[in-house]
N, C-alpha and C. Protein backbone atom coordinates (compact mmCIF):
# COMPACT_ATOMS: atom_id res chain seq x y z
N UNK A 1 32.49 69.61 -47.76
CA UNK A 1 31.85 70.82 -47.51
C UNK A 1 30.77 70.99 -48.50
N UNK A 2 30.90 70.51 -49.70
CA UNK A 2 29.83 70.68 -50.71
C UNK A 2 28.60 69.77 -50.41
N UNK A 3 28.82 68.60 -49.79
CA UNK A 3 27.81 67.85 -49.40
C UNK A 3 27.01 68.50 -48.30
N UNK A 4 27.68 69.23 -47.34
CA UNK A 4 26.90 69.89 -46.27
C UNK A 4 26.14 71.01 -46.89
N UNK A 5 26.60 71.68 -47.78
CA UNK A 5 25.80 72.72 -48.49
C UNK A 5 24.64 72.18 -49.23
N UNK A 6 24.75 71.13 -49.88
CA UNK A 6 23.67 70.56 -50.56
C UNK A 6 22.59 70.03 -49.57
N UNK A 7 23.08 69.48 -48.47
CA UNK A 7 22.08 68.98 -47.48
C UNK A 7 21.36 70.06 -46.84
N UNK A 8 22.04 71.18 -46.53
CA UNK A 8 21.35 72.40 -45.98
C UNK A 8 20.38 73.07 -46.94
N UNK A 9 20.78 73.10 -48.19
CA UNK A 9 19.80 73.65 -49.22
C UNK A 9 18.60 72.80 -49.29
N UNK A 10 18.83 71.46 -49.36
CA UNK A 10 17.63 70.56 -49.49
C UNK A 10 16.71 70.65 -48.22
N UNK A 11 17.33 70.76 -46.98
CA UNK A 11 16.55 70.82 -45.83
C UNK A 11 15.75 72.18 -45.73
N UNK A 12 16.38 73.23 -46.28
CA UNK A 12 15.66 74.56 -46.19
C UNK A 12 14.64 74.74 -47.28
N UNK A 13 14.89 74.03 -48.45
CA UNK A 13 14.00 74.31 -49.59
C UNK A 13 12.79 73.31 -49.59
N UNK A 14 12.83 72.23 -49.01
CA UNK A 14 11.76 71.30 -49.04
C UNK A 14 10.42 71.80 -48.46
N UNK A 15 10.55 72.46 -47.22
CA UNK A 15 9.27 73.11 -46.66
C UNK A 15 8.78 74.24 -47.65
N UNK A 16 9.63 74.96 -48.31
CA UNK A 16 9.22 75.99 -49.21
C UNK A 16 8.45 75.39 -50.43
N UNK A 17 8.99 74.29 -50.97
CA UNK A 17 8.32 73.62 -52.03
C UNK A 17 7.04 72.97 -51.64
N UNK A 18 6.96 72.44 -50.42
CA UNK A 18 5.64 71.87 -49.99
C UNK A 18 4.58 72.88 -49.76
N UNK A 19 4.96 74.04 -49.20
CA UNK A 19 4.02 75.03 -48.78
C UNK A 19 3.67 76.12 -49.89
N UNK A 20 4.69 76.46 -50.66
CA UNK A 20 4.51 77.58 -51.56
C UNK A 20 4.52 77.22 -53.03
N UNK A 21 5.49 76.51 -53.43
CA UNK A 21 5.73 76.36 -54.91
C UNK A 21 5.12 75.03 -55.38
N UNK A 22 4.20 74.43 -54.68
CA UNK A 22 3.60 73.17 -55.03
C UNK A 22 2.77 73.27 -56.27
N UNK A 23 2.19 74.58 -56.51
CA UNK A 23 1.32 74.68 -57.68
C UNK A 23 2.07 74.62 -59.01
N UNK A 24 3.39 74.81 -58.94
CA UNK A 24 4.15 74.74 -60.27
C UNK A 24 3.89 73.38 -60.90
N UNK A 25 3.87 72.35 -60.19
CA UNK A 25 3.68 70.98 -60.66
C UNK A 25 2.18 70.55 -60.73
N UNK A 26 1.31 71.48 -60.54
CA UNK A 26 -0.12 71.23 -60.51
C UNK A 26 -0.48 70.22 -59.44
N UNK A 27 0.18 70.36 -58.41
CA UNK A 27 0.00 69.44 -57.29
C UNK A 27 -0.54 70.31 -56.11
N UNK A 28 -1.68 70.02 -55.55
CA UNK A 28 -2.21 70.85 -54.51
C UNK A 28 -1.34 70.82 -53.25
N UNK A 29 -1.26 71.88 -52.70
CA UNK A 29 -0.48 72.04 -51.41
C UNK A 29 -1.14 71.27 -50.28
N UNK A 30 -0.66 70.14 -50.00
CA UNK A 30 -1.40 69.22 -49.00
C UNK A 30 -1.41 69.82 -47.58
N UNK A 31 -0.29 70.37 -47.16
CA UNK A 31 -0.22 70.92 -45.84
C UNK A 31 -1.06 72.15 -45.68
N UNK A 32 -0.95 73.07 -46.56
CA UNK A 32 -1.79 74.30 -46.46
C UNK A 32 -3.21 73.94 -46.62
N UNK A 33 -3.63 73.08 -47.50
CA UNK A 33 -5.01 72.73 -47.57
C UNK A 33 -5.62 72.04 -46.28
N UNK A 34 -4.81 71.22 -45.73
CA UNK A 34 -5.23 70.54 -44.46
C UNK A 34 -5.40 71.51 -43.35
N UNK A 35 -4.45 72.44 -43.24
CA UNK A 35 -4.52 73.49 -42.28
C UNK A 35 -5.72 74.43 -42.49
N UNK A 36 -5.99 74.74 -43.65
CA UNK A 36 -7.11 75.61 -44.02
C UNK A 36 -8.42 74.95 -43.69
N UNK A 37 -8.58 73.70 -43.92
CA UNK A 37 -9.81 72.93 -43.60
C UNK A 37 -9.95 72.84 -42.13
N UNK A 38 -8.86 72.59 -41.33
CA UNK A 38 -8.98 72.39 -39.91
C UNK A 38 -9.29 73.80 -39.21
N UNK A 39 -8.59 74.83 -39.77
CA UNK A 39 -8.82 76.13 -39.18
C UNK A 39 -10.26 76.67 -39.36
N UNK A 40 -10.77 76.36 -40.52
CA UNK A 40 -12.20 76.77 -40.80
C UNK A 40 -13.16 76.05 -39.88
N UNK A 41 -12.91 74.69 -39.67
CA UNK A 41 -13.75 73.97 -38.81
C UNK A 41 -13.65 74.37 -37.29
N UNK A 42 -12.45 74.72 -36.87
CA UNK A 42 -12.15 75.13 -35.52
C UNK A 42 -12.82 76.56 -35.33
N UNK A 43 -12.74 77.41 -36.37
CA UNK A 43 -13.28 78.75 -36.21
C UNK A 43 -14.78 78.61 -36.13
N UNK A 44 -15.41 77.83 -36.97
CA UNK A 44 -16.84 77.71 -36.87
C UNK A 44 -17.30 77.09 -35.56
N UNK A 45 -16.59 76.13 -35.03
CA UNK A 45 -16.92 75.56 -33.70
C UNK A 45 -16.78 76.59 -32.61
N UNK A 46 -15.66 77.34 -32.73
CA UNK A 46 -15.44 78.37 -31.65
C UNK A 46 -16.48 79.53 -31.63
N UNK A 47 -17.10 79.79 -32.79
CA UNK A 47 -17.99 80.89 -32.87
C UNK A 47 -19.41 80.45 -32.59
N UNK A 48 -19.65 79.09 -32.40
CA UNK A 48 -21.01 78.59 -32.16
C UNK A 48 -21.53 79.03 -30.84
N UNK A 49 -22.83 79.09 -30.59
CA UNK A 49 -23.40 79.50 -29.32
C UNK A 49 -23.16 78.40 -28.23
N UNK A 50 -22.94 77.29 -28.62
CA UNK A 50 -22.74 76.16 -27.62
C UNK A 50 -21.40 76.36 -26.83
N UNK A 51 -20.46 76.96 -27.50
CA UNK A 51 -19.04 77.09 -26.91
C UNK A 51 -18.99 78.40 -26.13
N UNK A 52 -19.89 79.33 -26.38
CA UNK A 52 -19.72 80.66 -25.64
C UNK A 52 -19.62 80.59 -24.25
N UNK A 53 -20.38 79.78 -23.47
CA UNK A 53 -20.20 79.66 -22.05
C UNK A 53 -18.76 79.27 -21.68
N UNK A 54 -18.21 78.35 -22.42
CA UNK A 54 -16.86 77.89 -22.17
C UNK A 54 -15.89 79.05 -22.36
N UNK A 55 -16.04 79.85 -23.42
CA UNK A 55 -15.17 81.01 -23.63
C UNK A 55 -15.36 81.94 -22.38
N UNK A 56 -16.54 82.20 -21.96
CA UNK A 56 -16.76 83.14 -20.87
C UNK A 56 -16.02 82.57 -19.69
N UNK A 57 -16.19 81.30 -19.29
CA UNK A 57 -15.49 80.81 -18.08
C UNK A 57 -13.96 80.87 -18.25
N UNK A 58 -13.45 80.53 -19.53
CA UNK A 58 -12.08 80.66 -19.72
C UNK A 58 -11.54 82.06 -19.45
N UNK A 59 -12.29 83.03 -19.93
CA UNK A 59 -11.95 84.46 -19.73
C UNK A 59 -11.89 84.75 -18.28
N UNK A 60 -12.95 84.33 -17.54
CA UNK A 60 -13.01 84.71 -16.10
C UNK A 60 -11.86 83.97 -15.44
N UNK A 61 -11.54 82.77 -15.65
CA UNK A 61 -10.35 82.06 -15.04
C UNK A 61 -9.00 82.73 -15.40
N UNK A 62 -8.95 83.21 -16.59
CA UNK A 62 -7.70 83.84 -17.02
C UNK A 62 -7.48 85.11 -16.19
N UNK A 63 -8.50 85.94 -16.03
CA UNK A 63 -8.36 87.20 -15.23
C UNK A 63 -8.19 86.89 -13.79
N UNK A 64 -8.80 85.86 -13.25
CA UNK A 64 -8.56 85.50 -11.89
C UNK A 64 -7.17 85.05 -11.61
N UNK A 65 -6.62 84.27 -12.63
CA UNK A 65 -5.17 83.94 -12.47
C UNK A 65 -4.30 85.09 -12.59
N UNK A 66 -4.52 86.04 -13.48
CA UNK A 66 -3.75 87.24 -13.57
C UNK A 66 -3.86 88.08 -12.26
N UNK A 67 -5.01 88.20 -11.66
CA UNK A 67 -5.06 88.95 -10.45
C UNK A 67 -4.36 88.23 -9.33
N UNK A 68 -4.47 86.92 -9.23
CA UNK A 68 -3.82 86.10 -8.22
C UNK A 68 -2.29 86.32 -8.36
N UNK A 69 -1.75 86.30 -9.47
CA UNK A 69 -0.33 86.40 -9.73
C UNK A 69 0.13 87.80 -9.36
N UNK A 70 -0.66 88.84 -9.65
CA UNK A 70 -0.40 90.24 -9.32
C UNK A 70 -0.39 90.37 -7.79
N UNK A 71 -1.38 89.86 -7.16
CA UNK A 71 -1.46 89.91 -5.64
C UNK A 71 -0.28 89.16 -4.96
N UNK A 72 0.03 88.01 -5.45
CA UNK A 72 1.17 87.27 -4.98
C UNK A 72 2.50 87.97 -5.07
N UNK A 73 2.69 88.73 -6.13
CA UNK A 73 3.89 89.42 -6.39
C UNK A 73 3.96 90.63 -5.48
N UNK A 74 2.80 91.33 -5.22
CA UNK A 74 2.76 92.50 -4.36
C UNK A 74 3.02 92.00 -2.89
N UNK A 75 2.46 90.84 -2.58
CA UNK A 75 2.72 90.34 -1.19
C UNK A 75 4.18 90.04 -0.98
N UNK A 76 4.75 89.38 -2.00
CA UNK A 76 6.19 88.97 -1.91
C UNK A 76 7.03 90.26 -1.78
N UNK A 77 6.70 91.25 -2.49
CA UNK A 77 7.39 92.55 -2.51
C UNK A 77 7.31 93.19 -1.05
N UNK A 78 6.11 93.17 -0.53
CA UNK A 78 5.89 93.74 0.80
C UNK A 78 6.64 92.98 1.93
N UNK A 79 6.68 91.61 1.83
CA UNK A 79 7.28 90.78 2.80
C UNK A 79 8.71 90.76 2.73
N UNK A 80 9.32 91.11 1.59
CA UNK A 80 10.75 90.98 1.53
C UNK A 80 11.53 92.39 1.53
N UNK A 81 10.82 93.39 1.65
CA UNK A 81 11.40 94.74 1.80
C UNK A 81 11.16 95.24 3.10
N UNK A 82 12.05 96.14 3.58
CA UNK A 82 11.82 96.71 4.92
C UNK A 82 11.47 98.14 4.61
N UNK A 83 10.57 98.72 5.44
CA UNK A 83 10.18 100.10 5.27
C UNK A 83 11.27 101.08 5.57
N UNK A 84 11.29 102.20 4.84
CA UNK A 84 12.36 103.18 5.02
C UNK A 84 12.28 103.76 6.45
N UNK A 85 13.43 103.78 7.06
CA UNK A 85 13.50 104.36 8.38
C UNK A 85 13.32 103.30 9.48
N UNK A 86 13.26 101.98 9.15
CA UNK A 86 13.07 101.01 10.10
C UNK A 86 14.42 100.79 10.83
N UNK A 87 14.31 100.33 12.05
CA UNK A 87 15.45 99.98 12.87
C UNK A 87 16.10 98.72 12.32
N UNK A 88 17.37 98.81 12.27
CA UNK A 88 18.16 97.62 11.79
C UNK A 88 18.51 96.68 12.79
């Protein structure tokens, strides 16, 4: 039982030490630094003018998909229910 507790403690504390407490040993946080570099690069690329038409098309496609799903649900509801007062 003790070995299970030690294993669980080690498994839970290793991400904490890699991400948060790495500065204690004067060791840069490698995972956080890598994520920060990538997120800055992605943010800069996403905000560039060359990508704007892609964002606009993505937004249009997303809205079209949402409207299609809404219309399909309404049609399914109309086709599967009978009107009130209909003959049985």
